[in-house]
Amino acid sequence: MKMVFIVVQDDDVQKLLKELVKEDFRVTKLSSTGGFLRRGSTTVFLGIEDSELEKLFLDQAVKHDMLGLKGHRILGGLRASIYNAVTI
C-alpha cells in the first residue's frame, strides 16, 4: 500500500474530493494557509494499493492528453520525458 499526498489550492479541493469519493477512495484533508502556493491550500492524504496507483495515474494522464507513459511491457513502471515534446 502507498500513501499519496496531494497539495491543491483551496479553489480546486471540492472538485478533487468529489471525484475521489465518487471513485470510492477514503481521504483525509488538512487545510493550511500560506506556504509555497502563497494562498490557502489543502493537503489530501489517501491510501492506495500499489497495483491501483499505476492504473489510476495512467487513466488520469490519458484524460489530460498525456500519452505513452506506460513503461516496459515486461518490467512495467512509468516513464515521462520532455525530450520528445520540444520542437527544434
Protein backbone atom coordinates (compact mmCIF):
# COMPACT_ATOMS: atom_id res chain seq x y z
CA MET A 1 0.00 0.00 0.00
CA LYS A 2 1.16 3.52 -0.81
CA MET A 3 0.32 6.79 0.92
CA VAL A 4 -0.37 9.58 -1.57
CA PHE A 5 -0.10 13.26 -0.61
CA ILE A 6 -1.83 15.76 -2.89
CA VAL A 7 -1.47 19.52 -2.35
CA VAL A 8 -4.11 21.60 -4.12
CA GLN A 9 -5.32 25.17 -3.97
CA ASP A 10 -8.48 25.68 -1.93
CA ASP A 11 -10.35 26.65 -5.12
CA ASP A 12 -9.88 23.13 -6.52
CA VAL A 13 -10.23 20.94 -3.44
CA GLN A 14 -14.00 20.36 -3.54
CA LYS A 15 -13.87 19.10 -7.13
CA LEU A 16 -10.97 16.77 -6.25
CA LEU A 17 -12.70 15.40 -3.14
CA LYS A 18 -15.94 14.84 -5.04
CA GLU A 19 -14.10 12.81 -7.71
CA LEU A 20 -12.11 10.78 -5.17
CA VAL A 21 -15.22 9.92 -3.13
CA LYS A 22 -17.08 9.03 -6.33
CA GLU A 23 -14.28 6.53 -7.09
CA ASP A 24 -14.62 5.05 -3.54
CA PHE A 25 -11.36 6.44 -2.15
CA ARG A 26 -11.25 7.27 1.54
CA VAL A 27 -9.47 10.56 2.01
CA THR A 28 -8.25 12.78 4.81
CA LYS A 29 -7.98 16.51 4.25
CA LEU A 30 -5.74 19.00 6.05
CA SER A 31 -6.23 22.71 5.32
CA SER A 32 -3.47 25.29 5.68
CA THR A 33 -2.74 28.90 4.78
CA GLY A 34 0.35 30.30 3.05
CA GLY A 35 3.21 28.05 2.08
CA PHE A 36 4.61 27.61 -1.39
CA LEU A 37 1.28 28.23 -3.13
CA ARG A 38 1.08 31.65 -1.42
CA ARG A 39 -2.61 31.24 -0.60
CA GLY A 40 -4.87 28.79 1.15
CA SER A 41 -4.10 25.23 0.23
CA THR A 42 -5.32 21.81 1.23
CA THR A 43 -3.31 18.63 1.58
CA VAL A 44 -5.26 15.48 0.81
CA PHE A 45 -3.98 12.11 2.05
CA LEU A 46 -5.15 8.80 0.66
CA GLY A 47 -4.01 5.21 0.84
CA ILE A 48 -4.00 3.15 -2.32
CA GLU A 49 -2.89 -0.34 -3.29
CA ASP A 50 0.31 -0.44 -5.34
CA SER A 51 -1.41 -2.04 -8.33
CA GLU A 52 -4.18 0.58 -8.34
CA LEU A 53 -1.80 3.56 -8.17
CA GLU A 54 -0.20 2.97 -11.56
CA LYS A 55 -3.56 2.33 -13.24
CA LEU A 56 -5.11 5.44 -11.66
CA PHE A 57 -2.16 7.59 -12.73
CA LEU A 58 -2.24 6.30 -16.31
CA ASP A 59 -6.03 6.72 -16.58
CA GLN A 60 -5.82 10.33 -15.41
CA ALA A 61 -2.83 11.03 -17.66
CA VAL A 62 -4.81 9.87 -20.73
CA LYS A 63 -7.72 12.13 -19.71
CA HIS A 64 -5.25 15.04 -19.84
CA ASP A 65 -3.69 14.03 -23.20
CA MET A 66 -0.50 12.67 -21.63
CA LEU A 67 0.11 9.60 -23.77
CA GLY A 68 2.86 6.99 -23.90
CA LEU A 69 3.70 6.97 -20.18
CA LYS A 70 3.35 3.23 -19.70
CA GLY A 71 6.73 1.63 -19.18
CA HIS A 72 8.31 -1.59 -20.38
CA ARG A 73 5.82 -4.34 -21.31
CA ILE A 74 7.57 -6.90 -19.04
CA LEU A 75 9.25 -4.78 -16.35
CA GLY A 76 6.39 -2.30 -16.02
CA GLY A 77 6.77 1.09 -14.42
CA LEU A 78 6.12 4.53 -15.86
CA ARG A 79 8.21 6.86 -17.98
CA ALA A 80 7.94 10.51 -18.85
CA SER A 81 10.25 12.78 -20.76
CA ILE A 82 10.02 16.31 -22.08
CA TYR A 83 12.72 15.50 -24.67
CA ASN A 84 10.17 14.49 -27.32
CA ALA A 85 7.94 17.45 -26.50
CA VAL A 86 10.49 20.04 -27.64
CA THR A 87 10.38 21.17 -31.27
CA ILE A 88 13.74 22.10 -32.73
